[in-house]
Amino acid sequence: MLKNIFIGLFAGTVTGLFGSGGGMILVPAFTYILKLDEKEARATSIFCILPMVCASSIFYFKSSYIELKEGLLCAVGGILGGYIGAKILNKLSNRYLRIFFTIFLIYVSIRLIMQGIK
């Protein structure tokens, strides 16, 4: 139980601080620390991210950091993308999920490093 709370606390802090990252923390933690199946880890991560995002959004909204028009338009696309992603998740093997996730993390890491160098 304490492991779960610590993982959530860490993921929530990263999400609130950087605006994303909950899934990048939660999926590996669920897979390697809590020993969940790859698909269970991803689905549980998505379930956990909603409350973290709601909590952060309240703070950001009160501080006038949210551009509502852009946010709502992106949310519409996000709903569609979430549905498509969940459908694809059911069709992919755990091996390919791991490979795609690793490639995604490497890509994002390189982009962030390159932006930091500029």
N, C-alpha and C. Protein backbone atom coordinates (compact mmCIF):
# COMPACT_ATOMS: atom_id res chain seq x y z
N MET A 1 0.82 -1.20 0.00
CA MET A 1 0.00 0.00 0.00
C MET A 1 0.87 1.26 0.00
N LEU A 2 1.93 1.25 0.81
CA LEU A 2 2.81 2.42 0.84
C LEU A 2 3.52 2.62 -0.49
N LYS A 3 3.88 1.52 -1.17
CA LYS A 3 4.51 1.63 -2.48
C LYS A 3 3.57 2.35 -3.45
N ASN A 4 2.31 1.95 -3.43
CA ASN A 4 1.32 2.56 -4.32
C ASN A 4 1.18 4.04 -4.05
N ILE A 5 1.11 4.42 -2.79
CA ILE A 5 0.95 5.82 -2.42
C ILE A 5 2.19 6.62 -2.83
N PHE A 6 3.36 6.06 -2.61
CA PHE A 6 4.60 6.75 -2.99
C PHE A 6 4.67 6.94 -4.51
N ILE A 7 4.33 5.89 -5.26
CA ILE A 7 4.33 5.99 -6.72
C ILE A 7 3.37 7.10 -7.16
N GLY A 8 2.17 7.12 -6.59
CA GLY A 8 1.19 8.15 -6.92
C GLY A 8 1.66 9.55 -6.55
N LEU A 9 2.27 9.68 -5.39
CA LEU A 9 2.79 10.97 -4.94
C LEU A 9 3.87 11.48 -5.90
N PHE A 10 4.78 10.61 -6.26
CA PHE A 10 5.85 10.99 -7.19
C PHE A 10 5.29 11.36 -8.55
N ALA A 11 4.40 10.53 -9.08
CA ALA A 11 3.80 10.79 -10.40
C ALA A 11 2.98 12.07 -10.38
N GLY A 12 2.23 12.30 -9.32
CA GLY A 12 1.44 13.52 -9.20
C GLY A 12 2.30 14.76 -9.15
N THR A 13 3.40 14.67 -8.44
CA THR A 13 4.33 15.81 -8.36
C THR A 13 4.93 16.11 -9.73
N VAL A 14 5.34 15.08 -10.45
CA VAL A 14 5.91 15.26 -11.78
C VAL A 14 4.86 15.84 -12.72
N THR A 15 3.64 15.34 -12.65
CA THR A 15 2.56 15.83 -13.50
C THR A 15 2.27 17.30 -13.20
N GLY A 16 2.17 17.64 -11.93
CA GLY A 16 1.89 19.02 -11.55
C GLY A 16 3.03 19.97 -11.91
N LEU A 17 4.24 19.49 -11.79
CA LEU A 17 5.41 20.33 -12.03
C LEU A 17 5.68 20.53 -13.52
N PHE A 18 5.63 19.45 -14.29
CA PHE A 18 5.99 19.52 -15.70
C PHE A 18 4.80 19.53 -16.65
N GLY A 19 3.61 19.32 -16.15
CA GLY A 19 2.43 19.31 -17.01
C GLY A 19 2.20 17.98 -17.71
N SER A 20 3.09 17.05 -17.51
CA SER A 20 2.94 15.70 -18.06
C SER A 20 3.94 14.80 -17.36
N GLY A 21 3.93 13.57 -17.71
CA GLY A 21 4.93 12.68 -17.14
C GLY A 21 4.34 11.61 -16.24
N GLY A 22 3.07 11.76 -15.88
CA GLY A 22 2.47 10.75 -15.01
C GLY A 22 2.58 9.36 -15.59
N GLY A 23 2.28 9.24 -16.88
CA GLY A 23 2.38 7.93 -17.53
C GLY A 23 3.81 7.44 -17.65
N MET A 24 4.74 8.37 -17.83
CA MET A 24 6.15 7.98 -17.93
C MET A 24 6.68 7.48 -16.59
N ILE A 25 6.08 7.91 -15.51
CA ILE A 25 6.46 7.44 -14.18
C ILE A 25 5.64 6.20 -13.81
N LEU A 26 4.33 6.29 -14.03
CA LEU A 26 3.43 5.23 -13.58
C LEU A 26 3.62 3.91 -14.32
N VAL A 27 3.71 3.95 -15.63
CA VAL A 27 3.80 2.69 -16.39
C VAL A 27 5.04 1.88 -15.97
N PRO A 28 6.24 2.47 -15.97
CA PRO A 28 7.39 1.68 -15.51
C PRO A 28 7.26 1.25 -14.04
N ALA A 29 6.73 2.12 -13.19
CA ALA A 29 6.58 1.76 -11.77
C ALA A 29 5.59 0.60 -11.61
N PHE A 30 4.48 0.67 -12.31
CA PHE A 30 3.50 -0.42 -12.22
C PHE A 30 4.07 -1.72 -12.78
N THR A 31 4.85 -1.61 -13.84
CA THR A 31 5.40 -2.81 -14.48
C THR A 31 6.52 -3.43 -13.66
N TYR A 32 7.47 -2.61 -13.21
CA TYR A 32 8.66 -3.15 -12.57
C TYR A 32 8.58 -3.24 -11.05
N ILE A 33 7.88 -2.32 -10.42
CA ILE A 33 7.78 -2.35 -8.96
C ILE A 33 6.58 -3.15 -8.49
N LEU A 34 5.42 -2.89 -9.09
CA LEU A 34 4.20 -3.58 -8.67
C LEU A 34 3.93 -4.86 -9.48
N LYS A 35 4.75 -5.11 -10.50
CA LYS A 35 4.69 -6.34 -11.31
C LYS A 35 3.35 -6.52 -12.03
N LEU A 36 2.76 -5.42 -12.52
CA LEU A 36 1.53 -5.52 -13.31
C LEU A 36 1.89 -5.90 -14.75
N ASP A 37 0.96 -6.54 -15.42
CA ASP A 37 1.08 -6.82 -16.83
C ASP A 37 1.18 -5.50 -17.60
N GLU A 38 1.84 -5.50 -18.76
CA GLU A 38 2.03 -4.27 -19.54
C GLU A 38 0.71 -3.54 -19.82
N LYS A 39 -0.28 -4.27 -20.26
CA LYS A 39 -1.57 -3.64 -20.59
C LYS A 39 -2.27 -3.16 -19.33
N GLU A 40 -2.19 -3.93 -18.26
CA GLU A 40 -2.78 -3.48 -16.99
C GLU A 40 -2.09 -2.22 -16.49
N ALA A 41 -0.77 -2.16 -16.65
CA ALA A 41 -0.01 -1.00 -16.21
C ALA A 41 -0.45 0.26 -16.96
N ARG A 42 -0.62 0.14 -18.26
CA ARG A 42 -1.04 1.30 -19.05
C ARG A 42 -2.46 1.73 -18.72
N ALA A 43 -3.35 0.77 -18.62
CA ALA A 43 -4.75 1.09 -18.31
C ALA A 43 -4.87 1.68 -16.90
N THR A 44 -4.16 1.13 -15.95
CA THR A 44 -4.20 1.66 -14.58
C THR A 44 -3.58 3.05 -14.52
N SER A 45 -2.54 3.26 -15.32
CA SER A 45 -1.91 4.58 -15.39
C SER A 45 -2.90 5.63 -15.87
N ILE A 46 -3.62 5.32 -16.93
CA ILE A 46 -4.61 6.25 -17.46
C ILE A 46 -5.67 6.56 -16.40
N PHE A 47 -6.09 5.53 -15.69
CA PHE A 47 -7.08 5.71 -14.63
C PHE A 47 -6.55 6.64 -13.53
N CYS A 48 -5.29 6.50 -13.18
CA CYS A 48 -4.68 7.31 -12.12
C CYS A 48 -4.40 8.75 -12.55
N ILE A 49 -4.15 8.95 -13.83
CA ILE A 49 -3.77 10.27 -14.31
C ILE A 49 -4.92 11.27 -14.19
N LEU A 50 -6.15 10.82 -14.39
CA LEU A 50 -7.30 11.73 -14.35
C LEU A 50 -7.36 12.55 -13.06
N PRO A 51 -7.32 11.93 -11.87
CA PRO A 51 -7.37 12.76 -10.66
C PRO A 51 -6.17 13.70 -10.52
N MET A 52 -4.99 13.25 -10.97
CA MET A 52 -3.81 14.12 -10.89
C MET A 52 -3.98 15.34 -11.79
N VAL A 53 -4.48 15.11 -12.99
CA VAL A 53 -4.68 16.20 -13.93
C VAL A 53 -5.76 17.16 -13.43
N CYS A 54 -6.82 16.61 -12.85
CA CYS A 54 -7.89 17.48 -12.31
C CYS A 54 -7.35 18.38 -11.19
N ALA A 55 -6.56 17.80 -10.30
CA ALA A 55 -6.00 18.59 -9.20
C ALA A 55 -5.08 19.69 -9.72
N SER A 56 -4.21 19.35 -10.66
CA SER A 56 -3.30 20.35 -11.23
C SER A 56 -4.08 21.41 -12.01
N SER A 57 -5.10 20.98 -12.74
CA SER A 57 -5.88 21.90 -13.56
C SER A 57 -6.59 22.95 -12.72
N ILE A 58 -7.07 22.58 -11.55
CA ILE A 58 -7.73 23.54 -10.66
C ILE A 58 -6.75 24.66 -10.29
N PHE A 59 -5.54 24.28 -9.92
CA PHE A 59 -4.53 25.28 -9.57
C PHE A 59 -4.21 26.16 -10.78
N TYR A 60 -3.95 25.53 -11.92
CA TYR A 60 -3.60 26.29 -13.11
C TYR A 60 -4.74 27.20 -13.56
N PHE A 61 -5.98 26.74 -13.44
CA PHE A 61 -7.14 27.56 -13.82
C PHE A 61 -7.25 28.78 -12.91
N LYS A 62 -7.10 28.55 -11.60
CA LYS A 62 -7.18 29.66 -10.64
C LYS A 62 -6.07 30.69 -10.87
N SER A 63 -4.94 30.23 -11.38
CA SER A 63 -3.82 31.12 -11.64
C SER A 63 -3.85 31.71 -13.05
N SER A 64 -4.94 31.46 -13.78
CA SER A 64 -5.14 31.98 -15.14
C SER A 64 -4.07 31.52 -16.13
N TYR A 65 -3.57 30.30 -15.98
CA TYR A 65 -2.57 29.77 -16.90
C TYR A 65 -3.19 29.00 -18.07
N ILE A 66 -4.49 28.73 -18.02
CA ILE A 66 -5.12 27.88 -19.03
C ILE A 66 -5.74 28.72 -20.13
N GLU A 67 -5.42 28.37 -21.36
CA GLU A 67 -6.06 28.97 -22.53
C GLU A 67 -7.24 28.06 -22.87
N LEU A 68 -8.44 28.47 -22.47
CA LEU A 68 -9.61 27.59 -22.57
C LEU A 68 -9.92 27.14 -24.00
N LYS A 69 -9.91 28.05 -24.95
CA LYS A 69 -10.26 27.68 -26.33
C LYS A 69 -9.33 26.58 -26.85
N GLU A 70 -8.03 26.81 -26.73
CA GLU A 70 -7.06 25.83 -27.19
C GLU A 70 -7.17 24.53 -26.42
N GLY A 71 -7.35 24.64 -25.13
CA GLY A 71 -7.47 23.46 -24.28
C GLY A 71 -8.69 22.61 -24.63
N LEU A 72 -9.82 23.25 -24.85
CA LEU A 72 -11.04 22.51 -25.19
C LEU A 72 -10.93 21.85 -26.57
N LEU A 73 -10.35 22.57 -27.53
CA LEU A 73 -10.17 21.98 -28.85
C LEU A 73 -9.24 20.77 -28.80
N CYS A 74 -8.16 20.90 -28.05
CA CYS A 74 -7.24 19.76 -27.91
C CYS A 74 -7.90 18.61 -27.15
N ALA A 75 -8.77 18.93 -26.19
CA ALA A 75 -9.46 17.89 -25.44
C ALA A 75 -10.35 17.05 -26.35
N VAL A 76 -10.99 17.71 -27.32
CA VAL A 76 -11.82 16.96 -28.28
C VAL A 76 -10.95 15.95 -29.03
N GLY A 77 -9.82 16.41 -29.53
CA GLY A 77 -8.89 15.50 -30.21
C GLY A 77 -8.35 14.45 -29.26
N GLY A 78 -8.12 14.83 -28.02
CA GLY A 78 -7.61 13.89 -27.02
C GLY A 78 -8.59 12.78 -26.70
N ILE A 79 -9.87 13.11 -26.69
CA ILE A 79 -10.89 12.08 -26.45
C ILE A 79 -10.87 11.06 -27.59
N LEU A 80 -10.83 11.55 -28.81
CA LEU A 80 -10.77 10.66 -29.97
C LEU A 80 -9.47 9.84 -29.96
N GLY A 81 -8.36 10.51 -29.70
CA GLY A 81 -7.07 9.81 -29.65
C GLY A 81 -7.01 8.79 -28.54
N GLY A 82 -7.60 9.10 -27.39
CA GLY A 82 -7.64 8.15 -26.29
C GLY A 82 -8.41 6.89 -26.65
N TYR A 83 -9.51 7.08 -27.35
CA TYR A 83 -10.32 5.94 -27.80
C TYR A 83 -9.53 5.07 -28.78
N ILE A 84 -8.89 5.74 -29.75
CA ILE A 84 -8.11 5.01 -30.75
C ILE A 84 -6.94 4.28 -30.08
N GLY A 85 -6.25 4.96 -29.17
CA GLY A 85 -5.12 4.35 -28.46
C GLY A 85 -5.54 3.13 -27.64
N ALA A 86 -6.70 3.22 -26.98
CA ALA A 86 -7.18 2.09 -26.19
C ALA A 86 -7.52 0.90 -27.08
N LYS A 87 -8.07 1.18 -28.26
CA LYS A 87 -8.38 0.10 -29.21
C LYS A 87 -7.09 -0.57 -29.71
N ILE A 88 -6.09 0.25 -30.02
CA ILE A 88 -4.81 -0.29 -30.50
C ILE A 88 -4.13 -1.10 -29.39
N LEU A 89 -4.22 -0.63 -28.14
CA LEU A 89 -3.61 -1.33 -27.01
C LEU A 89 -4.09 -2.78 -26.95
N ASN A 90 -5.37 -3.00 -27.20
CA ASN A 90 -5.92 -4.35 -27.15
C ASN A 90 -5.35 -5.26 -28.23
N LYS A 91 -4.85 -4.69 -29.31
CA LYS A 91 -4.38 -5.49 -30.45
C LYS A 91 -2.87 -5.75 -30.42
N LEU A 92 -2.11 -4.96 -29.67
CA LEU A 92 -0.66 -5.10 -29.65
C LEU A 92 -0.19 -6.05 -28.57
N SER A 93 0.87 -6.77 -28.86
CA SER A 93 1.46 -7.63 -27.85
C SER A 93 2.25 -6.78 -26.85
N ASN A 94 2.50 -7.33 -25.68
CA ASN A 94 3.27 -6.62 -24.66
C ASN A 94 4.67 -6.28 -25.17
N ARG A 95 5.25 -7.16 -25.98
CA ARG A 95 6.59 -6.93 -26.51
C ARG A 95 6.62 -5.66 -27.36
N TYR A 96 5.65 -5.52 -28.28
CA TYR A 96 5.60 -4.32 -29.12
C TYR A 96 5.26 -3.07 -28.33
N LEU A 97 4.41 -3.20 -27.33
CA LEU A 97 4.10 -2.05 -26.47
C LEU A 97 5.38 -1.53 -25.81
N ARG A 98 6.18 -2.46 -25.29
CA ARG A 98 7.43 -2.09 -24.62
C ARG A 98 8.37 -1.41 -25.61
N ILE A 99 8.49 -1.95 -26.82
CA ILE A 99 9.37 -1.38 -27.83
C ILE A 99 8.90 0.02 -28.21
N PHE A 100 7.63 0.19 -28.52
CA PHE A 100 7.09 1.51 -28.91
C PHE A 100 7.24 2.52 -27.78
N PHE A 101 6.99 2.10 -26.54
CA PHE A 101 7.11 3.01 -25.41
C PHE A 101 8.55 3.44 -25.22
N THR A 102 9.48 2.52 -25.37
CA THR A 102 10.91 2.84 -25.24
C THR A 102 11.34 3.82 -26.33
N ILE A 103 10.92 3.57 -27.56
CA ILE A 103 11.24 4.49 -28.67
C ILE A 103 10.67 5.87 -28.39
N PHE A 104 9.43 5.91 -27.91
CA PHE A 104 8.80 7.20 -27.58
C PHE A 104 9.59 7.93 -26.51
N LEU A 105 9.99 7.24 -25.44
CA LEU A 105 10.75 7.89 -24.37
C LEU A 105 12.10 8.40 -24.86
N ILE A 106 12.77 7.62 -25.69
CA ILE A 106 14.05 8.06 -26.24
C ILE A 106 13.86 9.30 -27.11
N TYR A 107 12.83 9.28 -27.96
CA TYR A 107 12.54 10.43 -28.82
C TYR A 107 12.28 11.69 -28.00
N VAL A 108 11.41 11.58 -26.99
CA VAL A 108 11.08 12.73 -26.15
C VAL A 108 12.33 13.21 -25.41
N SER A 109 13.13 12.30 -24.92
CA SER A 109 14.35 12.68 -24.20
C SER A 109 15.31 13.45 -25.09
N ILE A 110 15.50 12.96 -26.30
CA ILE A 110 16.39 13.65 -27.25
C ILE A 110 15.86 15.04 -27.57
N ARG A 111 14.56 15.15 -27.82
CA ARG A 111 13.95 16.47 -28.11
C ARG A 111 14.16 17.43 -26.94
N LEU A 112 13.95 16.96 -25.72
CA LEU A 112 14.12 17.83 -24.55
C LEU A 112 15.57 18.25 -24.39
N ILE A 113 16.50 17.34 -24.63
CA ILE A 113 17.92 17.68 -24.54
C ILE A 113 18.27 18.72 -25.60
N MET A 114 17.79 18.53 -26.82
CA MET A 114 18.08 19.45 -27.90
C MET A 114 17.50 20.85 -27.63
N GLN A 115 16.32 20.90 -27.05
CA GLN A 115 15.71 22.20 -26.71
C GLN A 115 16.50 22.88 -25.60
N GLY A 116 17.02 22.09 -24.67
CA GLY A 116 17.80 22.65 -23.56
C GLY A 116 19.13 23.21 -24.02
N ILE A 117 19.67 22.66 -25.09
CA ILE A 117 20.96 23.10 -25.61
C ILE A 117 20.83 24.42 -26.35
N LYS A 118 19.69 24.67 -26.99
CA LYS A 118 19.49 25.89 -27.79
C LYS A 118 19.59 27.13 -26.98
